[in-house]
Amino acid sequence: MSVKISKSRIQEIIKEELERIQEEEEKEQKLGTFGTERVTATGAKQKFKKRGEAAVDQADEYTNLERGIVQQLNDVLEQLAIVGEIDSGELRAQLQLIYKRLAKILKIIKAKGKGNDNEQ
């Protein structure tokens, strides 16, 4: 049994696949650049405000326990930034490992279809 596919359909399939691959590469590249983004104090304030607004909008998308876990992690990171030099040395290396592990877990969960597709 032979299957015939038109030239335009083949081009469309290739285009779709290339777009999908490009999106994945961009996501992986973004994940791989941990600790290279510089943010001004004003930029950080604006980002925190947007996150706060998004958190209110997403309040029903995860449980109180999940929200608590996220808040605990955020609190620890903020305290590390205040008391330590998280942008260099051993502390940065440890944070990079944690970040990469979490990014890998997220990728696996999304691939299984169990995660939310909402990204910031």
PDB file of N, CA and C in Angstrom:
ATOM      1  N   MET A   1       0.842  -1.186   0.000  1.00  0.00           N
ATOM      2  CA  MET A   1       0.000   0.000   0.000  1.00  0.00           C
ATOM      3  C   MET A   1       0.884   1.244   0.000  1.00  0.00           C
ATOM      4  N   SER A   2       0.719   2.096  -0.961  1.00  0.00           N
ATOM      5  CA  SER A   2       1.523   3.315  -1.020  1.00  0.00           C
ATOM      6  C   SER A   2       0.662   4.516  -0.630  1.00  0.00           C
ATOM      7  N   VAL A   3       1.305   5.428   0.046  1.00  0.00           N
ATOM      8  CA  VAL A   3       0.630   6.640   0.485  1.00  0.00           C
ATOM      9  C   VAL A   3       1.207   7.807  -0.310  1.00  0.00           C
ATOM     10  N   LYS A   4       0.317   8.559  -0.922  1.00  0.00           N
ATOM     11  CA  LYS A   4       0.762   9.703  -1.701  1.00  0.00           C
ATOM     12  C   LYS A   4       0.485  10.986  -0.922  1.00  0.00           C
ATOM     13  N   ILE A   5       1.508  11.803  -0.858  1.00  0.00           N
ATOM     14  CA  ILE A   5       1.390  13.094  -0.189  1.00  0.00           C
ATOM     15  C   ILE A   5       1.811  14.156  -1.187  1.00  0.00           C
ATOM     16  N   SER A   6       0.996  15.176  -1.284  1.00  0.00           N
ATOM     17  CA  SER A   6       1.311  16.248  -2.231  1.00  0.00           C
ATOM     18  C   SER A   6       2.546  17.016  -1.793  1.00  0.00           C
ATOM     19  N   LYS A   7       3.159  17.650  -2.754  1.00  0.00           N
ATOM     20  CA  LYS A   7       4.354  18.432  -2.494  1.00  0.00           C
ATOM     21  C   LYS A   7       4.061  19.554  -1.499  1.00  0.00           C
ATOM     22  N   SER A   8       2.923  20.193  -1.633  1.00  0.00           N
ATOM     23  CA  SER A   8       2.575  21.288  -0.724  1.00  0.00           C
ATOM     24  C   SER A   8       2.357  20.775   0.701  1.00  0.00           C
ATOM     25  N   ARG A   9       1.791  19.568   0.827  1.00  0.00           N
ATOM     26  CA  ARG A   9       1.588  18.988   2.165  1.00  0.00           C
ATOM     27  C   ARG A   9       2.938  18.636   2.800  1.00  0.00           C
ATOM     28  N   ILE A  10       3.864  18.128   2.025  1.00  0.00           N
ATOM     29  CA  ILE A  10       5.206  17.818   2.532  1.00  0.00           C
ATOM     30  C   ILE A  10       5.885  19.095   3.004  1.00  0.00           C
ATOM     31  N   GLN A  11       5.762  20.155   2.226  1.00  0.00           N
ATOM     32  CA  GLN A  11       6.355  21.429   2.611  1.00  0.00           C
ATOM     33  C   GLN A  11       5.727  21.949   3.908  1.00  0.00           C
ATOM     34  N   GLU A  12       4.422  21.781   4.018  1.00  0.00           N
ATOM     35  CA  GLU A  12       3.717  22.218   5.216  1.00  0.00           C
ATOM     36  C   GLU A  12       4.175  21.420   6.448  1.00  0.00           C
ATOM     37  N   ILE A  13       4.331  20.127   6.298  1.00  0.00           N
ATOM     38  CA  ILE A  13       4.792  19.265   7.397  1.00  0.00           C
ATOM     39  C   ILE A  13       6.197  19.658   7.814  1.00  0.00           C
ATOM     40  N   ILE A  14       7.064  19.885   6.847  1.00  0.00           N
ATOM     41  CA  ILE A  14       8.444  20.278   7.145  1.00  0.00           C
ATOM     42  C   ILE A  14       8.465  21.621   7.862  1.00  0.00           C
ATOM     43  N   LYS A  15       7.670  22.562   7.378  1.00  0.00           N
ATOM     44  CA  LYS A  15       7.610  23.882   8.005  1.00  0.00           C
ATOM     45  C   LYS A  15       7.139  23.777   9.450  1.00  0.00           C
ATOM     46  N   GLU A  16       6.095  22.994   9.696  1.00  0.00           N
ATOM     47  CA  GLU A  16       5.576  22.808  11.052  1.00  0.00           C
ATOM     48  C   GLU A  16       6.631  22.182  11.957  1.00  0.00           C
ATOM     49  N   GLU A  17       7.317  21.185  11.449  1.00  0.00           N
ATOM     50  CA  GLU A  17       8.342  20.498  12.240  1.00  0.00           C
ATOM     51  C   GLU A  17       9.510  21.424  12.546  1.00  0.00           C
ATOM     52  N   LEU A  18       9.934  22.212  11.572  1.00  0.00           N
ATOM     53  CA  LEU A  18      11.016  23.162  11.795  1.00  0.00           C
ATOM     54  C   LEU A  18      10.625  24.214  12.833  1.00  0.00           C
ATOM     55  N   GLU A  19       9.389  24.682  12.791  1.00  0.00           N
ATOM     56  CA  GLU A  19       8.909  25.646  13.777  1.00  0.00           C
ATOM     57  C   GLU A  19       8.899  25.028  15.172  1.00  0.00           C
ATOM     58  N   ARG A  20       8.464  23.769  15.262  1.00  0.00           N
ATOM     59  CA  ARG A  20       8.428  23.072  16.553  1.00  0.00           C
ATOM     60  C   ARG A  20       9.839  22.910  17.108  1.00  0.00           C
ATOM     61  N   ILE A  21      10.767  22.522  16.255  1.00  0.00           N
ATOM     62  CA  ILE A  21      12.160  22.339  16.672  1.00  0.00           C
ATOM     63  C   ILE A  21      12.753  23.673  17.118  1.00  0.00           C
ATOM     64  N   GLN A  22      12.474  24.729  16.383  1.00  0.00           N
ATOM     65  CA  GLN A  22      12.992  26.049  16.727  1.00  0.00           C
ATOM     66  C   GLN A  22      12.452  26.495  18.089  1.00  0.00           C
ATOM     67  N   GLU A  23      11.166  26.279  18.344  1.00  0.00           N
ATOM     68  CA  GLU A  23      10.576  26.640  19.632  1.00  0.00           C
ATOM     69  C   GLU A  23      11.237  25.874  20.769  1.00  0.00           C
ATOM     70  N   GLU A  24      11.472  24.571  20.571  1.00  0.00           N
ATOM     71  CA  GLU A  24      12.128  23.760  21.596  1.00  0.00           C
ATOM     72  C   GLU A  24      13.549  24.243  21.855  1.00  0.00           C
ATOM     73  N   GLU A  25      14.270  24.568  20.787  1.00  0.00           N
ATOM     74  CA  GLU A  25      15.642  25.061  20.944  1.00  0.00           C
ATOM     75  C   GLU A  25      15.667  26.388  21.683  1.00  0.00           C
ATOM     76  N   GLU A  26      14.706  27.269  21.380  1.00  0.00           N
ATOM     77  CA  GLU A  26      14.638  28.553  22.066  1.00  0.00           C
ATOM     78  C   GLU A  26      14.350  28.353  23.551  1.00  0.00           C
ATOM     79  N   LYS A  27      13.448  27.419  23.875  1.00  0.00           N
ATOM     80  CA  LYS A  27      13.145  27.135  25.277  1.00  0.00           C
ATOM     81  C   LYS A  27      14.368  26.565  25.985  1.00  0.00           C
ATOM     82  N   GLU A  28      15.046  25.628  25.350  1.00  0.00           N
ATOM     83  CA  GLU A  28      16.235  25.030  25.953  1.00  0.00           C
ATOM     84  C   GLU A  28      17.340  26.071  26.118  1.00  0.00           C
ATOM     85  N   GLN A  29      17.492  26.943  25.132  1.00  0.00           N
ATOM     86  CA  GLN A  29      18.511  27.982  25.220  1.00  0.00           C
ATOM     87  C   GLN A  29      18.186  28.920  26.373  1.00  0.00           C
ATOM     88  N   LYS A  30      16.915  29.255  26.519  1.00  0.00           N
ATOM     89  CA  LYS A  30      16.500  30.128  27.608  1.00  0.00           C
ATOM     90  C   LYS A  30      16.781  29.453  28.946  1.00  0.00           C
ATOM     91  N   LEU A  31      16.491  28.164  29.054  1.00  0.00           N
ATOM     92  CA  LEU A  31      16.752  27.437  30.287  1.00  0.00           C
ATOM     93  C   LEU A  31      18.247  27.344  30.562  1.00  0.00           C
ATOM     94  N   GLY A  32      19.043  27.255  29.528  1.00  0.00           N
ATOM     95  CA  GLY A  32      20.474  27.084  29.694  1.00  0.00           C
ATOM     96  C   GLY A  32      21.219  28.352  30.063  1.00  0.00           C
ATOM     97  N   THR A  33      20.532  29.487  30.108  1.00  0.00           N
ATOM     98  CA  THR A  33      21.201  30.744  30.375  1.00  0.00           C
ATOM     99  C   THR A  33      20.979  31.213  31.804  1.00  0.00           C
ATOM    100  N   PHE A  34      20.886  30.302  32.723  1.00  0.00           N
ATOM    101  CA  PHE A  34      20.661  30.636  34.121  1.00  0.00           C
ATOM    102  C   PHE A  34      21.726  31.600  34.625  1.00  0.00           C
ATOM    103  N   GLY A  35      21.272  32.643  35.294  1.00  0.00           N
ATOM    104  CA  GLY A  35      22.199  33.556  35.938  1.00  0.00           C
ATOM    105  C   GLY A  35      22.859  34.570  35.031  1.00  0.00           C
ATOM    106  N   THR A  36      22.441  34.665  33.788  1.00  0.00           N
ATOM    107  CA  THR A  36      23.056  35.635  32.884  1.00  0.00           C
ATOM    108  C   THR A  36      22.185  36.867  32.673  1.00  0.00           C
ATOM    109  N   GLU A  37      20.944  36.798  33.092  1.00  0.00           N
ATOM    110  CA  GLU A  37      20.031  37.930  32.921  1.00  0.00           C
ATOM    111  C   GLU A  37      20.268  38.960  34.018  1.00  0.00           C
ATOM    112  N   ARG A  38      20.470  40.190  33.605  1.00  0.00           N
ATOM    113  CA  ARG A  38      20.654  41.277  34.570  1.00  0.00           C
ATOM    114  C   ARG A  38      19.358  42.073  34.635  1.00  0.00           C
ATOM    115  N   VAL A  39      18.921  42.381  35.858  1.00  0.00           N
ATOM    116  CA  VAL A  39      17.661  43.081  36.062  1.00  0.00           C
ATOM    117  C   VAL A  39      17.912  44.255  37.001  1.00  0.00           C
ATOM    118  N   THR A  40      17.450  45.434  36.592  1.00  0.00           N
ATOM    119  CA  THR A  40      17.567  46.603  37.455  1.00  0.00           C
ATOM    120  C   THR A  40      16.561  46.502  38.584  1.00  0.00           C
ATOM    121  N   ALA A  41      16.731  47.313  39.614  1.00  0.00           N
ATOM    122  CA  ALA A  41      15.790  47.311  40.737  1.00  0.00           C
ATOM    123  C   ALA A  41      14.386  47.663  40.257  1.00  0.00           C
ATOM    124  N   THR A  42      14.292  48.645  39.357  1.00  0.00           N
ATOM    125  CA  THR A  42      12.987  49.034  38.809  1.00  0.00           C
ATOM    126  C   THR A  42      12.376  47.887  38.013  1.00  0.00           C
ATOM    127  N   GLY A  43      13.203  47.228  37.205  1.00  0.00           N
ATOM    128  CA  GLY A  43      12.727  46.085  36.431  1.00  0.00           C
ATOM    129  C   GLY A  43      12.247  44.960  37.331  1.00  0.00           C
ATOM    130  N   ALA A  44      12.965  44.730  38.418  1.00  0.00           N
ATOM    131  CA  ALA A  44      12.569  43.678  39.363  1.00  0.00           C
ATOM    132  C   ALA A  44      11.236  44.016  40.007  1.00  0.00           C
ATOM    133  N   LYS A  45      11.051  45.275  40.375  1.00  0.00           N
ATOM    134  CA  LYS A  45       9.783  45.692  40.982  1.00  0.00           C
ATOM    135  C   LYS A  45       8.626  45.470  40.014  1.00  0.00           C
ATOM    136  N   GLN A  46       8.841  45.835  38.749  1.00  0.00           N
ATOM    137  CA  GLN A  46       7.795  45.655  37.746  1.00  0.00           C
ATOM    138  C   GLN A  46       7.485  44.174  37.554  1.00  0.00           C
ATOM    139  N   LYS A  47       8.540  43.342  37.534  1.00  0.00           N
ATOM    140  CA  LYS A  47       8.352  41.906  37.356  1.00  0.00           C
ATOM    141  C   LYS A  47       7.599  41.299  38.544  1.00  0.00           C
ATOM    142  N   PHE A  48       7.960  41.725  39.770  1.00  0.00           N
ATOM    143  CA  PHE A  48       7.266  41.234  40.954  1.00  0.00           C
ATOM    144  C   PHE A  48       5.792  41.640  40.929  1.00  0.00           C
ATOM    145  N   LYS A  49       5.517  42.854  40.469  1.00  0.00           N
ATOM    146  CA  LYS A  49       4.130  43.326  40.388  1.00  0.00           C
ATOM    147  C   LYS A  49       3.343  42.467  39.397  1.00  0.00           C
ATOM    148  N   LYS A  50       3.947  42.195  38.226  1.00  0.00           N
ATOM    149  CA  LYS A  50       3.279  41.356  37.223  1.00  0.00           C
ATOM    150  C   LYS A  50       3.050  39.948  37.770  1.00  0.00           C
ATOM    151  N   ARG A  51       4.068  39.412  38.479  1.00  0.00           N
ATOM    152  CA  ARG A  51       3.914  38.082  39.066  1.00  0.00           C
ATOM    153  C   ARG A  51       2.776  38.057  40.076  1.00  0.00           C
ATOM    154  N   GLY A  52       2.686  39.122  40.871  1.00  0.00           N
ATOM    155  CA  GLY A  52       1.615  39.210  41.856  1.00  0.00           C
ATOM    156  C   GLY A  52       0.252  39.205  41.196  1.00  0.00           C
ATOM    157  N   GLU A  53       0.124  39.982  40.125  1.00  0.00           N
ATOM    158  CA  GLU A  53      -1.140  40.029  39.390  1.00  0.00           C
ATOM    159  C   GLU A  53      -1.445  38.670  38.761  1.00  0.00           C
ATOM    160  N   ALA A  54      -0.429  38.033  38.211  1.00  0.00           N
ATOM    161  CA  ALA A  54      -0.623  36.710  37.603  1.00  0.00           C
ATOM    162  C   ALA A  54      -0.989  35.684  38.658  1.00  0.00           C
ATOM    163  N   ALA A  55      -0.401  35.799  39.846  1.00  0.00           N
ATOM    164  CA  ALA A  55      -0.702  34.852  40.922  1.00  0.00           C
ATOM    165  C   ALA A  55      -2.163  34.937  41.326  1.00  0.00           C
ATOM    166  N   VAL A  56      -2.704  36.149  41.361  1.00  0.00           N
ATOM    167  CA  VAL A  56      -4.119  36.316  41.680  1.00  0.00           C
ATOM    168  C   VAL A  56      -4.976  35.663  40.602  1.00  0.00           C
ATOM    169  N   ASP A  57      -4.597  35.868  39.337  1.00  0.00           N
ATOM    170  CA  ASP A  57      -5.339  35.276  38.225  1.00  0.00           C
ATOM    171  C   ASP A  57      -5.258  33.752  38.235  1.00  0.00           C
ATOM    172  N   GLN A  58      -4.140  33.198  38.707  1.00  0.00           N
ATOM    173  CA  GLN A  58      -3.921  31.750  38.691  1.00  0.00           C
ATOM    174  C   GLN A  58      -4.219  31.095  40.034  1.00  0.00           C
ATOM    175  N   ALA A  59      -4.829  31.820  40.952  1.00  0.00           N
ATOM    176  CA  ALA A  59      -5.006  31.342  42.319  1.00  0.00           C
ATOM    177  C   ALA A  59      -5.678  29.976  42.400  1.00  0.00           C
ATOM    178  N   ASP A  60      -6.565  29.688  41.486  1.00  0.00           N
ATOM    179  CA  ASP A  60      -7.291  28.416  41.531  1.00  0.00           C
ATOM    180  C   ASP A  60      -6.590  27.300  40.773  1.00  0.00           C
ATOM    181  N   GLU A  61      -5.452  27.593  40.142  1.00  0.00           N
ATOM    182  CA  GLU A  61      -4.776  26.598  39.322  1.00  0.00           C
ATOM    183  C   GLU A  61      -3.866  25.680  40.111  1.00  0.00           C
ATOM    184  N   TYR A  62      -3.537  26.033  41.341  1.00  0.00           N
ATOM    185  CA  TYR A  62      -2.765  25.124  42.179  1.00  0.00           C
ATOM    186  C   TYR A  62      -3.201  25.274  43.627  1.00  0.00           C
ATOM    187  N   THR A  63      -2.866  24.267  44.414  1.00  0.00           N
ATOM    188  CA  THR A  63      -3.375  24.170  45.781  1.00  0.00           C
ATOM    189  C   THR A  63      -2.652  25.121  46.725  1.00  0.00           C
ATOM    190  N   ASN A  64      -3.232  25.276  47.911  1.00  0.00           N
ATOM    191  CA  ASN A  64      -2.603  26.102  48.936  1.00  0.00           C
ATOM    192  C   ASN A  64      -1.232  25.544  49.317  1.00  0.00           C
ATOM    193  N   LEU A  65      -1.111  24.227  49.384  1.00  0.00           N
ATOM    194  CA  LEU A  65       0.169  23.604  49.714  1.00  0.00           C
ATOM    195  C   LEU A  65       1.209  23.908  48.628  1.00  0.00           C
ATOM    196  N   GLU A  66       0.804  23.791  47.372  1.00  0.00           N
ATOM    197  CA  GLU A  66       1.718  24.102  46.265  1.00  0.00           C
ATOM    198  C   GLU A  66       2.136  25.566  46.319  1.00  0.00           C
ATOM    199  N   ARG A  67       1.185  26.446  46.595  1.00  0.00           N
ATOM    200  CA  ARG A  67       1.483  27.867  46.712  1.00  0.00           C
ATOM    201  C   ARG A  67       2.486  28.105  47.849  1.00  0.00           C
ATOM    202  N   GLY A  68       2.309  27.388  48.949  1.00  0.00           N
ATOM    203  CA  GLY A  68       3.220  27.499  50.082  1.00  0.00           C
ATOM    204  C   GLY A  68       4.631  27.059  49.733  1.00  0.00           C
ATOM    205  N   ILE A  69       4.744  25.969  48.976  1.00  0.00           N
ATOM    206  CA  ILE A  69       6.059  25.472  48.552  1.00  0.00           C
ATOM    207  C   ILE A  69       6.756  26.501  47.670  1.00  0.00           C
ATOM    208  N   VAL A  70       6.019  27.046  46.720  1.00  0.00           N
ATOM    209  CA  VAL A  70       6.588  28.060  45.827  1.00  0.00           C
ATOM    210  C   VAL A  70       7.042  29.271  46.640  1.00  0.00           C
ATOM    211  N   GLN A  71       6.233  29.683  47.585  1.00  0.00           N
ATOM    212  CA  GLN A  71       6.584  30.843  48.408  1.00  0.00           C
ATOM    213  C   GLN A  71       7.820  30.569  49.260  1.00  0.00           C
ATOM    214  N   GLN A  72       7.923  29.357  49.818  1.00  0.00           N
ATOM    215  CA  GLN A  72       9.095  29.011  50.626  1.00  0.00           C
ATOM    216  C   GLN A  72      10.375  29.068  49.789  1.00  0.00           C
ATOM    217  N   LEU A  73      10.314  28.502  48.588  1.00  0.00           N
ATOM    218  CA  LEU A  73      11.487  28.533  47.706  1.00  0.00           C
ATOM    219  C   LEU A  73      11.857  29.970  47.350  1.00  0.00           C
ATOM    220  N   ASN A  74      10.860  30.756  47.039  1.00  0.00           N
ATOM    221  CA  ASN A  74      11.095  32.166  46.702  1.00  0.00           C
ATOM    222  C   ASN A  74      11.714  32.908  47.882  1.00  0.00           C
ATOM    223  N   ASP A  75      11.199  32.674  49.082  1.00  0.00           N
ATOM    224  CA  ASP A  75      11.726  33.341  50.275  1.00  0.00           C
ATOM    225  C   ASP A  75      13.195  33.003  50.501  1.00  0.00           C
ATOM    226  N   VAL A  76      13.547  31.714  50.352  1.00  0.00           N
ATOM    227  CA  VAL A  76      14.933  31.297  50.550  1.00  0.00           C
ATOM    228  C   VAL A  76      15.847  31.960  49.510  1.00  0.00           C
ATOM    229  N   LEU A  77      15.408  31.991  48.259  1.00  0.00           N
ATOM    230  CA  LEU A  77      16.222  32.619  47.213  1.00  0.00           C
ATOM    231  C   LEU A  77      16.420  34.110  47.476  1.00  0.00           C
ATOM    232  N   GLU A  78      15.365  34.773  47.924  1.00  0.00           N
ATOM    233  CA  GLU A  78      15.493  36.196  48.225  1.00  0.00           C
ATOM    234  C   GLU A  78      16.467  36.417  49.377  1.00  0.00           C
ATOM    235  N   GLN A  79      16.386  35.587  50.416  1.00  0.00           N
ATOM    236  CA  GLN A  79      17.302  35.719  51.550  1.00  0.00           C
ATOM    237  C   GLN A  79      18.747  35.435  51.130  1.00  0.00           C
ATOM    238  N   LEU A  80      18.944  34.428  50.275  1.00  0.00           N
ATOM    239  CA  LEU A  80      20.290  34.150  49.770  1.00  0.00           C
ATOM    240  C   LEU A  80      20.845  35.338  49.000  1.00  0.00           C
ATOM    241  N   ALA A  81      20.003  35.983  48.228  1.00  0.00           N
ATOM    242  CA  ALA A  81      20.437  37.142  47.454  1.00  0.00           C
ATOM    243  C   ALA A  81      20.838  38.295  48.373  1.00  0.00           C
ATOM    244  N   ILE A  82      20.172  38.405  49.500  1.00  0.00           N
ATOM    245  CA  ILE A  82      20.465  39.489  50.437  1.00  0.00           C
ATOM    246  C   ILE A  82      21.759  39.223  51.208  1.00  0.00           C
ATOM    247  N   VAL A  83      21.930  38.004  51.718  1.00  0.00           N
ATOM    248  CA  VAL A  83      23.068  37.718  52.597  1.00  0.00           C
ATOM    249  C   VAL A  83      24.283  37.123  51.894  1.00  0.00           C
ATOM    250  N   GLY A  84      24.087  36.562  50.716  1.00  0.00           N
ATOM    251  CA  GLY A  84      25.196  35.912  50.037  1.00  0.00           C
ATOM    252  C   GLY A  84      25.450  36.506  48.675  1.00  0.00           C
ATOM    253  N   GLU A  85      26.491  36.049  48.075  1.00  0.00           N
ATOM    254  CA  GLU A  85      26.803  36.481  46.721  1.00  0.00           C
ATOM    255  C   GLU A  85      26.393  35.361  45.770  1.00  0.00           C
ATOM    256  N   ILE A  86      25.106  35.367  45.403  1.00  0.00           N
ATOM    257  CA  ILE A  86      24.594  34.269  44.577  1.00  0.00           C
ATOM    258  C   ILE A  86      25.007  34.383  43.119  1.00  0.00           C
ATOM    259  N   ASP A  87      25.635  35.478  42.769  1.00  0.00           N
ATOM    260  CA  ASP A  87      26.038  35.655  41.375  1.00  0.00           C
ATOM    261  C   ASP A  87      27.453  35.162  41.091  1.00  0.00           C
ATOM    262  N   SER A  88      28.089  34.537  42.079  1.00  0.00           N
ATOM    263  CA  SER A  88      29.434  34.018  41.836  1.00  0.00           C
ATOM    264  C   SER A  88      29.752  32.861  42.787  1.00  0.00           C
ATOM    265  N   GLY A  89      30.787  32.143  42.462  1.00  0.00           N
ATOM    266  CA  GLY A  89      31.307  31.115  43.346  1.00  0.00           C
ATOM    267  C   GLY A  89      30.460  29.868  43.474  1.00  0.00           C
ATOM    268  N   GLU A  90      30.684  29.169  44.585  1.00  0.00           N
ATOM    269  CA  GLU A  90      30.039  27.879  44.848  1.00  0.00           C
ATOM    270  C   GLU A  90      28.514  28.004  44.944  1.00  0.00           C
ATOM    271  N   LEU A  91      28.046  29.084  45.524  1.00  0.00           N
ATOM    272  CA  LEU A  91      26.600  29.272  45.668  1.00  0.00           C
ATOM    273  C   LEU A  91      25.920  29.341  44.306  1.00  0.00           C
ATOM    274  N   ARG A  92      26.514  30.059  43.391  1.00  0.00           N
ATOM    275  CA  ARG A  92      25.952  30.142  42.034  1.00  0.00           C
ATOM    276  C   ARG A  92      25.953  28.762  41.370  1.00  0.00           C
ATOM    277  N   ALA A  93      27.031  28.023  41.526  1.00  0.00           N
ATOM    278  CA  ALA A  93      27.123  26.684  40.936  1.00  0.00           C
ATOM    279  C   ALA A  93      26.020  25.774  41.490  1.00  0.00           C
ATOM    280  N   GLN A  94      25.780  25.854  42.786  1.00  0.00           N
ATOM    281  CA  GLN A  94      24.720  25.044  43.396  1.00  0.00           C
ATOM    282  C   GLN A  94      23.344  25.453  42.867  1.00  0.00           C
ATOM    283  N   LEU A  95      23.107  26.750  42.733  1.00  0.00           N
ATOM    284  CA  LEU A  95      21.831  27.233  42.214  1.00  0.00           C
ATOM    285  C   LEU A  95      21.632  26.819  40.758  1.00  0.00           C
ATOM    286  N   GLN A  96      22.713  26.811  39.979  1.00  0.00           N
ATOM    287  CA  GLN A  96      22.620  26.361  38.593  1.00  0.00           C
ATOM    288  C   GLN A  96      22.204  24.896  38.528  1.00  0.00           C
ATOM    289  N   LEU A  97      22.777  24.070  39.398  1.00  0.00           N
ATOM    290  CA  LEU A  97      22.401  22.650  39.436  1.00  0.00           C
ATOM    291  C   LEU A  97      20.927  22.481  39.780  1.00  0.00           C
ATOM    292  N   ILE A  98      20.480  23.210  40.782  1.00  0.00           N
ATOM    293  CA  ILE A  98      19.072  23.129  41.196  1.00  0.00           C
ATOM    294  C   ILE A  98      18.168  23.582  40.058  1.00  0.00           C
ATOM    295  N   TYR A  99      18.528  24.689  39.423  1.00  0.00           N
ATOM    296  CA  TYR A  99      17.750  25.227  38.321  1.00  0.00           C
ATOM    297  C   TYR A  99      17.636  24.217  37.180  1.00  0.00           C
ATOM    298  N   LYS A 100      18.767  23.616  36.811  1.00  0.00           N
ATOM    299  CA  LYS A 100      18.765  22.651  35.712  1.00  0.00           C
ATOM    300  C   LYS A 100      17.945  21.419  36.059  1.00  0.00           C
ATOM    301  N   ARG A 101      18.015  20.974  37.306  1.00  0.00           N
ATOM    302  CA  ARG A 101      17.208  19.821  37.726  1.00  0.00           C
ATOM    303  C   ARG A 101      15.721  20.136  37.636  1.00  0.00           C
ATOM    304  N   LEU A 102      15.344  21.304  38.134  1.00  0.00           N
ATOM    305  CA  LEU A 102      13.935  21.695  38.070  1.00  0.00           C
ATOM    306  C   LEU A 102      13.463  21.852  36.628  1.00  0.00           C
ATOM    307  N   ALA A 103      14.298  22.448  35.780  1.00  0.00           N
ATOM    308  CA  ALA A 103      13.943  22.615  34.366  1.00  0.00           C
ATOM    309  C   ALA A 103      13.770  21.256  33.692  1.00  0.00           C
ATOM    310  N   LYS A 104      14.631  20.304  34.037  1.00  0.00           N
ATOM    311  CA  LYS A 104      14.543  18.960  33.460  1.00  0.00           C
ATOM    312  C   LYS A 104      13.266  18.262  33.923  1.00  0.00           C
ATOM    313  N   ILE A 105      12.942  18.389  35.196  1.00  0.00           N
ATOM    314  CA  ILE A 105      11.704  17.798  35.729  1.00  0.00           C
ATOM    315  C   ILE A 105      10.495  18.398  35.019  1.00  0.00           C
ATOM    316  N   LEU A 106      10.493  19.712  34.851  1.00  0.00           N
ATOM    317  CA  LEU A 106       9.391  20.385  34.159  1.00  0.00           C
ATOM    318  C   LEU A 106       9.236  19.859  32.741  1.00  0.00           C
ATOM    319  N   LYS A 107      10.344  19.720  32.048  1.00  0.00           N
ATOM    320  CA  LYS A 107      10.316  19.227  30.662  1.00  0.00           C
ATOM    321  C   LYS A 107       9.733  17.810  30.603  1.00  0.00           C
ATOM    322  N   ILE A 108      10.129  16.956  31.531  1.00  0.00           N
ATOM    323  CA  ILE A 108       9.630  15.574  31.570  1.00  0.00           C
ATOM    324  C   ILE A 108       8.132  15.544  31.851  1.00  0.00           C
ATOM    325  N   ILE A 109       7.702  16.342  32.826  1.00  0.00           N
ATOM    326  CA  ILE A 109       6.286  16.371  33.188  1.00  0.00           C
ATOM    327  C   ILE A 109       5.442  16.903  32.032  1.00  0.00           C
ATOM    328  N   LYS A 110       5.922  17.950  31.376  1.00  0.00           N
ATOM    329  CA  LYS A 110       5.186  18.487  30.226  1.00  0.00           C
ATOM    330  C   LYS A 110       5.115  17.478  29.096  1.00  0.00           C
ATOM    331  N   ALA A 111       6.193  16.742  28.896  1.00  0.00           N
ATOM    332  CA  ALA A 111       6.214  15.733  27.836  1.00  0.00           C
ATOM    333  C   ALA A 111       5.200  14.628  28.117  1.00  0.00           C
ATOM    334  N   LYS A 112       4.990  14.338  29.374  1.00  0.00           N
ATOM    335  CA  LYS A 112       4.007  13.317  29.757  1.00  0.00           C
ATOM    336  C   LYS A 112       2.583  13.862  29.688  1.00  0.00           C
ATOM    337  N   GLY A 113       2.453  15.188  29.528  1.00  0.00           N
ATOM    338  CA  GLY A 113       1.126  15.775  29.418  1.00  0.00           C
ATOM    339  C   GLY A 113       0.460  16.031  30.745  1.00  0.00           C
ATOM    340  N   LYS A 114       1.219  15.996  31.830  1.00  0.00           N
ATOM    341  CA  LYS A 114       0.630  16.185  33.152  1.00  0.00           C
ATOM    342  C   LYS A 114       0.753  17.618  33.644  1.00  0.00           C
ATOM    343  N   GLY A 115       1.556  18.435  32.980  1.00  0.00           N
ATOM    344  CA  GLY A 115       1.806  19.779  33.459  1.00  0.00           C
ATOM    345  C   GLY A 115       0.912  20.805  32.813  1.00  0.00           C
ATOM    346  N   ASN A 116       0.923  21.996  33.386  1.00  0.00           N
ATOM    347  CA  ASN A 116       0.222  23.132  32.807  1.00  0.00           C
ATOM    348  C   ASN A 116       1.037  23.688  31.681  1.00  0.00           C
ATOM    349  N   ASP A 117       0.403  24.151  30.642  1.00  0.00           N
ATOM    350  CA  ASP A 117       1.119  24.759  29.530  1.00  0.00           C
ATOM    351  C   ASP A 117       1.282  26.258  29.705  1.00  0.00           C
ATOM    352  N   ASN A 118       0.873  26.771  30.866  1.00  0.00           N
ATOM    353  CA  ASN A 118       1.007  28.194  31.123  1.00  0.00           C
ATOM    354  C   ASN A 118       2.448  28.500  31.464  1.00  0.00           C
ATOM    355  N   GLU A 119       3.074  29.406  30.691  1.00  0.00           N
ATOM    356  CA  GLU A 119       4.451  29.787  30.942  1.00  0.00           C
ATOM    357  C   GLU A 119       4.522  31.288  31.097  1.00  0.00           C
ATOM    358  N   GLN A 120       5.491  31.711  31.867  1.00  0.00           N
ATOM    359  CA  GLN A 120       5.657  33.142  32.051  1.00  0.00           C
ATOM    360  C   GLN A 120       6.763  33.647  31.199  1.00  0.00           C
TER     361      GLN A 120
END
